[in-house]
Amino acid sequence: MSGSGQVQIPDKLFYKINEVATITQVKPYVLRYWETEFPLLSPEKDENDQRRYRRSDIELVLQIKNLLYEQKYTIAGARKQLKAMREGGSQRSAQPEKPSVLQMRRINSSLGDLRRDIAEVYKLLA
């Protein structure tokens, strides 16, 4: 995928729309519009109805940007191209995204902290 290899994406679980706009150099209103045109681009929303993008969403935005701005596809053409790319790799994309080693270390560290906190609470209650 051209475009995402040149862009540094910070290692986080979730990104807000303004962060995605900065990373991808695409205005927030364009991102919101693309959500209506590209069904694959569908970030979760939190309890405050704020968009929560994942790394895979940012990579998709970069693909869409490349197709529209660099390869000069129309929106319909880019949609067809993405669909063809997804169907070609449907077995791979059906797999859930695996967390990175750094993410796993952070999760394990957080779980360790949580275990210690629970043990302290348990001691206080005993």
C-alpha atoms as a PDB file:
ATOM      1  CA  MET A   1       0.000   0.000   0.000  1.00  0.00           C
ATOM      2  CA  SER A   2       1.625   3.192  -1.122  1.00  0.00           C
ATOM      3  CA  GLY A   3       1.331   6.135   1.216  1.00  0.00           C
ATOM      4  CA  SER A   4       1.169   4.436   4.621  1.00  0.00           C
ATOM      5  CA  GLY A   5       4.811   3.342   4.390  1.00  0.00           C
ATOM      6  CA  GLN A   6       5.866   6.996   4.260  1.00  0.00           C
ATOM      7  CA  VAL A   7       3.660   8.120   7.161  1.00  0.00           C
ATOM      8  CA  GLN A   8       4.593   7.544  10.796  1.00  0.00           C
ATOM      9  CA  ILE A   9       1.538   6.380  12.731  1.00  0.00           C
ATOM     10  CA  PRO A  10       1.986   6.707  16.521  1.00  0.00           C
ATOM     11  CA  ASP A  11       1.522   3.446  18.411  1.00  0.00           C
ATOM     12  CA  LYS A  12      -1.868   3.799  20.146  1.00  0.00           C
ATOM     13  CA  LEU A  13      -5.077   1.806  20.321  1.00  0.00           C
ATOM     14  CA  PHE A  14      -7.376   4.694  19.389  1.00  0.00           C
ATOM     15  CA  TYR A  15      -7.009   8.031  17.634  1.00  0.00           C
ATOM     16  CA  LYS A  16      -9.345  11.036  17.591  1.00  0.00           C
ATOM     17  CA  ILE A  17     -10.427  12.556  14.286  1.00  0.00           C
ATOM     18  CA  ASN A  18      -8.067  15.541  14.650  1.00  0.00           C
ATOM     19  CA  GLU A  19      -5.130  13.200  15.246  1.00  0.00           C
ATOM     20  CA  VAL A  20      -6.074  11.223  12.133  1.00  0.00           C
ATOM     21  CA  ALA A  21      -6.393  14.466  10.169  1.00  0.00           C
ATOM     22  CA  THR A  22      -2.891  15.493  11.245  1.00  0.00           C
ATOM     23  CA  ILE A  23      -1.343  12.078  10.559  1.00  0.00           C
ATOM     24  CA  THR A  24      -2.959  11.680   7.125  1.00  0.00           C
ATOM     25  CA  GLN A  25      -3.018  15.377   6.115  1.00  0.00           C
ATOM     26  CA  VAL A  26      -6.750  15.060   5.356  1.00  0.00           C
ATOM     27  CA  LYS A  27      -9.221  17.569   6.825  1.00  0.00           C
ATOM     28  CA  PRO A  28     -11.714  16.224   9.411  1.00  0.00           C
ATOM     29  CA  TYR A  29     -14.713  17.151   7.231  1.00  0.00           C
ATOM     30  CA  VAL A  30     -13.199  15.114   4.383  1.00  0.00           C
ATOM     31  CA  LEU A  31     -12.750  12.134   6.730  1.00  0.00           C
ATOM     32  CA  ARG A  32     -16.404  12.405   7.771  1.00  0.00           C
ATOM     33  CA  TYR A  33     -17.452  12.590   4.112  1.00  0.00           C
ATOM     34  CA  TRP A  34     -15.340   9.560   3.211  1.00  0.00           C
ATOM     35  CA  GLU A  35     -17.122   7.607   5.949  1.00  0.00           C
ATOM     36  CA  THR A  36     -20.358   8.125   3.996  1.00  0.00           C
ATOM     37  CA  GLU A  37     -18.769   7.074   0.687  1.00  0.00           C
ATOM     38  CA  PHE A  38     -16.579   4.154   1.798  1.00  0.00           C
ATOM     39  CA  PRO A  39     -18.436   1.601   3.962  1.00  0.00           C
ATOM     40  CA  LEU A  40     -15.126   0.034   5.029  1.00  0.00           C
ATOM     41  CA  LEU A  41     -14.222   3.283   6.799  1.00  0.00           C
ATOM     42  CA  SER A  42     -16.371   3.106   9.883  1.00  0.00           C
ATOM     43  CA  PRO A  43     -14.620   4.152  13.095  1.00  0.00           C
ATOM     44  CA  GLU A  44     -16.229   3.252  16.404  1.00  0.00           C
ATOM     45  CA  LYS A  45     -17.840   5.953  18.469  1.00  0.00           C
ATOM     46  CA  ASP A  46     -17.349   6.335  22.205  1.00  0.00           C
ATOM     47  CA  GLU A  47     -19.972   7.145  24.827  1.00  0.00           C
ATOM     48  CA  ASN A  48     -19.734  10.841  23.865  1.00  0.00           C
ATOM     49  CA  ASP A  49     -20.297  10.029  20.174  1.00  0.00           C
ATOM     50  CA  GLN A  50     -16.670  10.899  19.368  1.00  0.00           C
ATOM     51  CA  ARG A  51     -15.029   8.891  16.594  1.00  0.00           C
ATOM     52  CA  ARG A  52     -12.342   6.420  17.699  1.00  0.00           C
ATOM     53  CA  TYR A  53     -10.142   5.426  14.798  1.00  0.00           C
ATOM     54  CA  ARG A  54      -7.850   2.388  14.923  1.00  0.00           C
ATOM     55  CA  ARG A  55      -4.538   1.941  13.113  1.00  0.00           C
ATOM     56  CA  SER A  56      -6.356  -0.081  10.427  1.00  0.00           C
ATOM     57  CA  ASP A  57      -8.740   2.877   9.867  1.00  0.00           C
ATOM     58  CA  ILE A  58      -5.769   5.217   9.381  1.00  0.00           C
ATOM     59  CA  GLU A  59      -4.185   2.789   6.937  1.00  0.00           C
ATOM     60  CA  LEU A  60      -7.487   2.691   5.025  1.00  0.00           C
ATOM     61  CA  VAL A  61      -7.643   6.506   4.966  1.00  0.00           C
ATOM     62  CA  LEU A  62      -4.131   6.525   3.498  1.00  0.00           C
ATOM     63  CA  GLN A  63      -5.216   3.990   0.855  1.00  0.00           C
ATOM     64  CA  ILE A  64      -8.262   6.089  -0.040  1.00  0.00           C
ATOM     65  CA  LYS A  65      -6.143   9.248  -0.179  1.00  0.00           C
ATOM     66  CA  ASN A  66      -3.658   7.512  -2.479  1.00  0.00           C
ATOM     67  CA  LEU A  67      -6.385   6.220  -4.792  1.00  0.00           C
ATOM     68  CA  LEU A  68      -8.150   9.590  -5.022  1.00  0.00           C
ATOM     69  CA  TYR A  69      -5.298  12.103  -4.977  1.00  0.00           C
ATOM     70  CA  GLU A  70      -2.319  10.234  -6.426  1.00  0.00           C
ATOM     71  CA  GLN A  71      -3.871   7.657  -8.750  1.00  0.00           C
ATOM     72  CA  LYS A  72      -6.739  10.020  -9.681  1.00  0.00           C
ATOM     73  CA  TYR A  73      -9.586   7.526  -9.205  1.00  0.00           C
ATOM     74  CA  THR A  74     -13.119   8.821  -8.851  1.00  0.00           C
ATOM     75  CA  ILE A  75     -14.848   7.976  -5.584  1.00  0.00           C
ATOM     76  CA  ALA A  76     -16.787   5.187  -7.312  1.00  0.00           C
ATOM     77  CA  GLY A  77     -13.586   3.890  -8.899  1.00  0.00           C
ATOM     78  CA  ALA A  78     -11.710   4.025  -5.594  1.00  0.00           C
ATOM     79  CA  ARG A  79     -14.579   2.157  -3.905  1.00  0.00           C
ATOM     80  CA  LYS A  80     -14.389  -0.577  -6.576  1.00  0.00           C
ATOM     81  CA  GLN A  81     -10.607  -0.740  -6.301  1.00  0.00           C
ATOM     82  CA  LEU A  82     -10.759  -1.114  -2.499  1.00  0.00           C
ATOM     83  CA  LYS A  83     -13.395  -3.818  -2.833  1.00  0.00           C
ATOM     84  CA  ALA A  84     -11.224  -5.692  -5.338  1.00  0.00           C
ATOM     85  CA  MET A  85      -8.191  -5.330  -3.057  1.00  0.00           C
ATOM     86  CA  ARG A  86     -10.188  -6.630  -0.075  1.00  0.00           C
ATOM     87  CA  GLU A  87     -11.583  -9.579  -2.027  1.00  0.00           C
ATOM     88  CA  GLY A  88      -8.103 -10.479  -3.189  1.00  0.00           C
ATOM     89  CA  GLY A  89      -6.929 -10.605   0.424  1.00  0.00           C
ATOM     90  CA  SER A  90     -10.230 -11.538   2.080  1.00  0.00           C
ATOM     91  CA  GLN A  91      -8.771 -14.510   3.931  1.00  0.00           C
ATOM     92  CA  ARG A  92      -6.070 -12.338   5.479  1.00  0.00           C
ATOM     93  CA  SER A  93      -8.405  -9.421   6.271  1.00  0.00           C
ATOM     94  CA  ALA A  94     -10.946 -11.766   7.911  1.00  0.00           C
ATOM     95  CA  GLN A  95      -8.380 -12.357  10.666  1.00  0.00           C
ATOM     96  CA  PRO A  96      -8.553  -9.919  13.593  1.00  0.00           C
ATOM     97  CA  GLU A  97      -5.677  -7.460  13.779  1.00  0.00           C
ATOM     98  CA  LYS A  98      -2.960  -8.749  16.100  1.00  0.00           C
ATOM     99  CA  PRO A  99      -1.603  -6.318  18.687  1.00  0.00           C
ATOM    100  CA  SER A 100       2.024  -5.272  18.288  1.00  0.00           C
ATOM    101  CA  VAL A 101       4.730  -6.403  20.727  1.00  0.00           C
ATOM    102  CA  LEU A 102       4.786  -2.909  22.247  1.00  0.00           C
ATOM    103  CA  GLN A 103       1.002  -2.983  22.729  1.00  0.00           C
ATOM    104  CA  MET A 104       1.239  -6.424  24.361  1.00  0.00           C
ATOM    105  CA  ARG A 105       3.949  -5.159  26.748  1.00  0.00           C
ATOM    106  CA  ARG A 106       1.759  -2.196  27.701  1.00  0.00           C
ATOM    107  CA  ILE A 107      -1.228  -4.479  28.256  1.00  0.00           C
ATOM    108  CA  ASN A 108       0.827  -6.895  30.384  1.00  0.00           C
ATOM    109  CA  SER A 109       2.234  -4.005  32.403  1.00  0.00           C
ATOM    110  CA  SER A 110      -1.258  -2.605  32.979  1.00  0.00           C
ATOM    111  CA  LEU A 111      -2.529  -6.038  34.037  1.00  0.00           C
ATOM    112  CA  GLY A 112       0.358  -6.367  36.483  1.00  0.00           C
ATOM    113  CA  ASP A 113      -0.481  -2.957  37.972  1.00  0.00           C
ATOM    114  CA  LEU A 114      -4.132  -3.955  38.194  1.00  0.00           C
ATOM    115  CA  ARG A 115      -3.269  -7.228  39.966  1.00  0.00           C
ATOM    116  CA  ARG A 116      -1.175  -5.344  42.541  1.00  0.00           C
ATOM    117  CA  ASP A 117      -3.964  -2.827  43.114  1.00  0.00           C
ATOM    118  CA  ILE A 118      -6.522  -5.597  43.612  1.00  0.00           C
ATOM    119  CA  ALA A 119      -4.190  -7.391  46.033  1.00  0.00           C
ATOM    120  CA  GLU A 120      -3.820  -4.172  48.054  1.00  0.00           C
ATOM    121  CA  VAL A 121      -7.593  -3.672  48.160  1.00  0.00           C
ATOM    122  CA  TYR A 122      -8.028  -7.293  49.206  1.00  0.00           C
ATOM    123  CA  LYS A 123      -5.516  -6.814  52.060  1.00  0.00           C
ATOM    124  CA  LEU A 124      -7.357  -3.674  53.192  1.00  0.00           C
ATOM    125  CA  LEU A 125     -10.682  -5.528  53.222  1.00  0.00           C
ATOM    126  CA  ALA A 126      -9.298  -8.568  55.075  1.00  0.00           C
END
